[in-house]
Amino acid sequence: MSEFIFYFRTEEGRIERLQNMITVASESILSAYRYEETLRDFPEPTVFWVKQEGDSIGIAPLIPSR
């Protein structure tokens, strides 16, 4: 089991990390999130989106704060 944090992307492409939206799940959760994107200026380096473009919910393996 791993921890994942949720992200939201607006129609305009703005990305928000949903600070309090954390889940514990197996890696199989990523099967619903097909579109991978490299992140900049966020703790997690990669997010996986449900939709390739436009507004979408995403999930990223949680990088614990130091």
N, C-alpha and C. Protein backbone atom coordinates (compact mmCIF):
# COMPACT_ATOMS: atom_id res chain seq x y z
N MET A 1 0.84 -1.18 0.00
CA MET A 1 0.00 0.00 0.00
C MET A 1 0.88 1.24 0.00
N SER A 2 0.41 2.25 -0.71
CA SER A 2 1.14 3.51 -0.82
C SER A 2 0.19 4.66 -0.53
N GLU A 3 0.77 5.81 -0.21
CA GLU A 3 -0.03 7.01 -0.01
C GLU A 3 -0.03 7.83 -1.30
N PHE A 4 -1.19 8.38 -1.63
CA PHE A 4 -1.35 9.22 -2.81
C PHE A 4 -2.03 10.51 -2.40
N ILE A 5 -1.70 11.59 -3.10
CA ILE A 5 -2.34 12.87 -2.88
C ILE A 5 -3.03 13.28 -4.16
N PHE A 6 -4.16 13.96 -4.01
CA PHE A 6 -4.95 14.36 -5.17
C PHE A 6 -4.58 15.76 -5.64
N TYR A 7 -4.71 15.95 -6.94
CA TYR A 7 -4.49 17.23 -7.61
C TYR A 7 -5.74 17.54 -8.43
N PHE A 8 -5.92 18.84 -8.70
CA PHE A 8 -7.02 19.27 -9.57
C PHE A 8 -6.44 20.19 -10.64
N ARG A 9 -6.89 19.99 -11.87
CA ARG A 9 -6.49 20.87 -12.97
C ARG A 9 -7.73 21.52 -13.55
N THR A 10 -7.69 22.86 -13.68
CA THR A 10 -8.81 23.61 -14.23
C THR A 10 -8.82 23.53 -15.75
N GLU A 11 -9.90 23.96 -16.33
CA GLU A 11 -10.04 24.01 -17.79
C GLU A 11 -8.92 24.84 -18.40
N GLU A 12 -8.49 25.88 -17.69
CA GLU A 12 -7.43 26.77 -18.17
C GLU A 12 -6.03 26.19 -17.95
N GLY A 13 -5.93 25.07 -17.26
CA GLY A 13 -4.64 24.41 -17.05
C GLY A 13 -3.97 24.72 -15.72
N ARG A 14 -4.63 25.48 -14.85
CA ARG A 14 -4.06 25.76 -13.52
C ARG A 14 -4.15 24.50 -12.68
N ILE A 15 -3.04 24.16 -12.00
CA ILE A 15 -2.97 22.94 -11.20
C ILE A 15 -2.94 23.31 -9.72
N GLU A 16 -3.75 22.58 -8.95
CA GLU A 16 -3.81 22.79 -7.51
C GLU A 16 -3.60 21.46 -6.79
N ARG A 17 -2.73 21.48 -5.80
CA ARG A 17 -2.49 20.31 -4.95
C ARG A 17 -3.51 20.36 -3.82
N LEU A 18 -4.30 19.33 -3.66
CA LEU A 18 -5.34 19.29 -2.64
C LEU A 18 -4.74 18.76 -1.34
N GLN A 19 -4.24 19.68 -0.54
CA GLN A 19 -3.45 19.40 0.67
C GLN A 19 -4.01 18.30 1.56
N ASN A 20 -5.30 18.29 1.78
CA ASN A 20 -5.91 17.37 2.75
C ASN A 20 -6.57 16.15 2.11
N MET A 21 -6.32 15.95 0.84
CA MET A 21 -6.94 14.83 0.13
C MET A 21 -5.91 13.74 -0.12
N ILE A 22 -5.68 12.94 0.88
CA ILE A 22 -4.69 11.86 0.81
C ILE A 22 -5.42 10.53 0.97
N THR A 23 -4.98 9.53 0.22
CA THR A 23 -5.56 8.20 0.34
C THR A 23 -4.45 7.17 0.40
N VAL A 24 -4.75 6.06 1.00
CA VAL A 24 -3.84 4.91 1.04
C VAL A 24 -4.45 3.85 0.15
N ALA A 25 -3.69 3.42 -0.86
CA ALA A 25 -4.22 2.45 -1.83
C ALA A 25 -3.07 1.68 -2.45
N SER A 26 -3.41 0.62 -3.15
CA SER A 26 -2.40 -0.14 -3.89
C SER A 26 -2.09 0.61 -5.18
N GLU A 27 -1.00 0.25 -5.81
CA GLU A 27 -0.58 0.88 -7.07
C GLU A 27 -1.63 0.70 -8.17
N SER A 28 -2.52 -0.25 -8.02
CA SER A 28 -3.55 -0.49 -9.04
C SER A 28 -4.50 0.70 -9.19
N ILE A 29 -4.53 1.59 -8.21
CA ILE A 29 -5.38 2.78 -8.31
C ILE A 29 -5.01 3.62 -9.54
N LEU A 30 -3.74 3.53 -9.95
CA LEU A 30 -3.28 4.33 -11.09
C LEU A 30 -3.92 3.92 -12.41
N SER A 31 -4.55 2.76 -12.46
CA SER A 31 -5.16 2.32 -13.72
C SER A 31 -6.29 3.26 -14.18
N ALA A 32 -6.91 3.96 -13.26
CA ALA A 32 -7.97 4.91 -13.61
C ALA A 32 -7.40 6.26 -14.04
N TYR A 33 -6.14 6.48 -13.75
CA TYR A 33 -5.48 7.76 -14.04
C TYR A 33 -4.43 7.51 -15.12
N ARG A 34 -4.81 7.67 -16.38
CA ARG A 34 -4.00 7.21 -17.50
C ARG A 34 -2.98 8.19 -18.03
N TYR A 35 -3.15 9.48 -17.75
CA TYR A 35 -2.35 10.50 -18.42
C TYR A 35 -1.32 11.09 -17.46
N GLU A 36 -0.07 10.82 -17.73
CA GLU A 36 1.04 11.22 -16.87
C GLU A 36 1.55 12.61 -17.26
N GLU A 37 1.82 13.44 -16.25
CA GLU A 37 2.39 14.76 -16.49
C GLU A 37 3.47 15.04 -15.46
N THR A 38 4.58 15.59 -15.92
CA THR A 38 5.65 16.02 -15.02
C THR A 38 5.25 17.34 -14.39
N LEU A 39 5.44 17.44 -13.08
CA LEU A 39 5.10 18.66 -12.35
C LEU A 39 6.33 19.49 -12.07
N ARG A 40 6.13 20.79 -12.00
CA ARG A 40 7.18 21.72 -11.56
C ARG A 40 6.60 22.53 -10.41
N ASP A 41 7.45 22.85 -9.45
CA ASP A 41 7.06 23.68 -8.30
C ASP A 41 6.04 23.01 -7.38
N PHE A 42 6.00 21.69 -7.38
CA PHE A 42 5.18 20.92 -6.45
C PHE A 42 6.06 19.86 -5.81
N PRO A 43 5.69 19.38 -4.61
CA PRO A 43 6.52 18.36 -3.95
C PRO A 43 6.63 17.05 -4.75
N GLU A 44 5.56 16.66 -5.42
CA GLU A 44 5.57 15.42 -6.19
C GLU A 44 6.03 15.73 -7.62
N PRO A 45 6.89 14.88 -8.17
CA PRO A 45 7.41 15.16 -9.51
C PRO A 45 6.47 14.77 -10.65
N THR A 46 5.49 13.92 -10.37
CA THR A 46 4.62 13.41 -11.42
C THR A 46 3.19 13.28 -10.90
N VAL A 47 2.25 13.63 -11.76
CA VAL A 47 0.82 13.44 -11.46
C VAL A 47 0.21 12.64 -12.60
N PHE A 48 -0.80 11.85 -12.27
CA PHE A 48 -1.53 11.05 -13.25
C PHE A 48 -2.97 11.54 -13.29
N TRP A 49 -3.43 11.94 -14.48
CA TRP A 49 -4.75 12.54 -14.66
C TRP A 49 -5.75 11.54 -15.22
N VAL A 50 -7.03 11.77 -14.90
CA VAL A 50 -8.12 10.98 -15.48
C VAL A 50 -8.32 11.38 -16.94
N LYS A 51 -8.27 12.69 -17.21
CA LYS A 51 -8.46 13.19 -18.57
C LYS A 51 -7.17 13.82 -19.07
N GLN A 52 -6.90 13.67 -20.34
CA GLN A 52 -5.66 14.19 -20.91
C GLN A 52 -5.64 15.71 -20.97
N GLU A 53 -6.78 16.32 -21.22
CA GLU A 53 -6.86 17.77 -21.36
C GLU A 53 -8.05 18.31 -20.56
N GLY A 54 -8.03 19.61 -20.32
CA GLY A 54 -9.14 20.28 -19.64
C GLY A 54 -9.17 19.99 -18.15
N ASP A 55 -10.33 20.28 -17.55
CA ASP A 55 -10.42 20.07 -16.11
C ASP A 55 -10.38 18.58 -15.81
N SER A 56 -9.67 18.24 -14.74
CA SER A 56 -9.48 16.83 -14.41
C SER A 56 -9.01 16.69 -12.96
N ILE A 57 -9.28 15.55 -12.40
CA ILE A 57 -8.74 15.18 -11.10
C ILE A 57 -7.52 14.30 -11.37
N GLY A 58 -6.52 14.46 -10.54
CA GLY A 58 -5.29 13.68 -10.71
C GLY A 58 -4.84 13.12 -9.38
N ILE A 59 -3.88 12.23 -9.45
CA ILE A 59 -3.35 11.58 -8.25
C ILE A 59 -1.84 11.43 -8.43
N ALA A 60 -1.13 11.60 -7.33
CA ALA A 60 0.33 11.47 -7.37
C ALA A 60 0.81 10.69 -6.16
N PRO A 61 1.82 9.84 -6.32
CA PRO A 61 2.40 9.18 -5.15
C PRO A 61 2.93 10.26 -4.21
N LEU A 62 2.53 10.20 -2.96
CA LEU A 62 2.85 11.23 -1.97
C LEU A 62 4.34 11.21 -1.63
N ILE A 63 4.95 12.40 -1.68
CA ILE A 63 6.32 12.59 -1.23
C ILE A 63 6.22 13.21 0.16
N PRO A 64 6.60 12.49 1.20
CA PRO A 64 6.46 13.05 2.56
C PRO A 64 7.31 14.31 2.73
N SER A 65 6.77 15.30 3.47
CA SER A 65 7.56 16.49 3.74
C SER A 65 8.68 16.16 4.72
N ARG A 66 9.77 16.86 4.57
CA ARG A 66 10.94 16.56 5.41
C ARG A 66 10.91 17.31 6.69
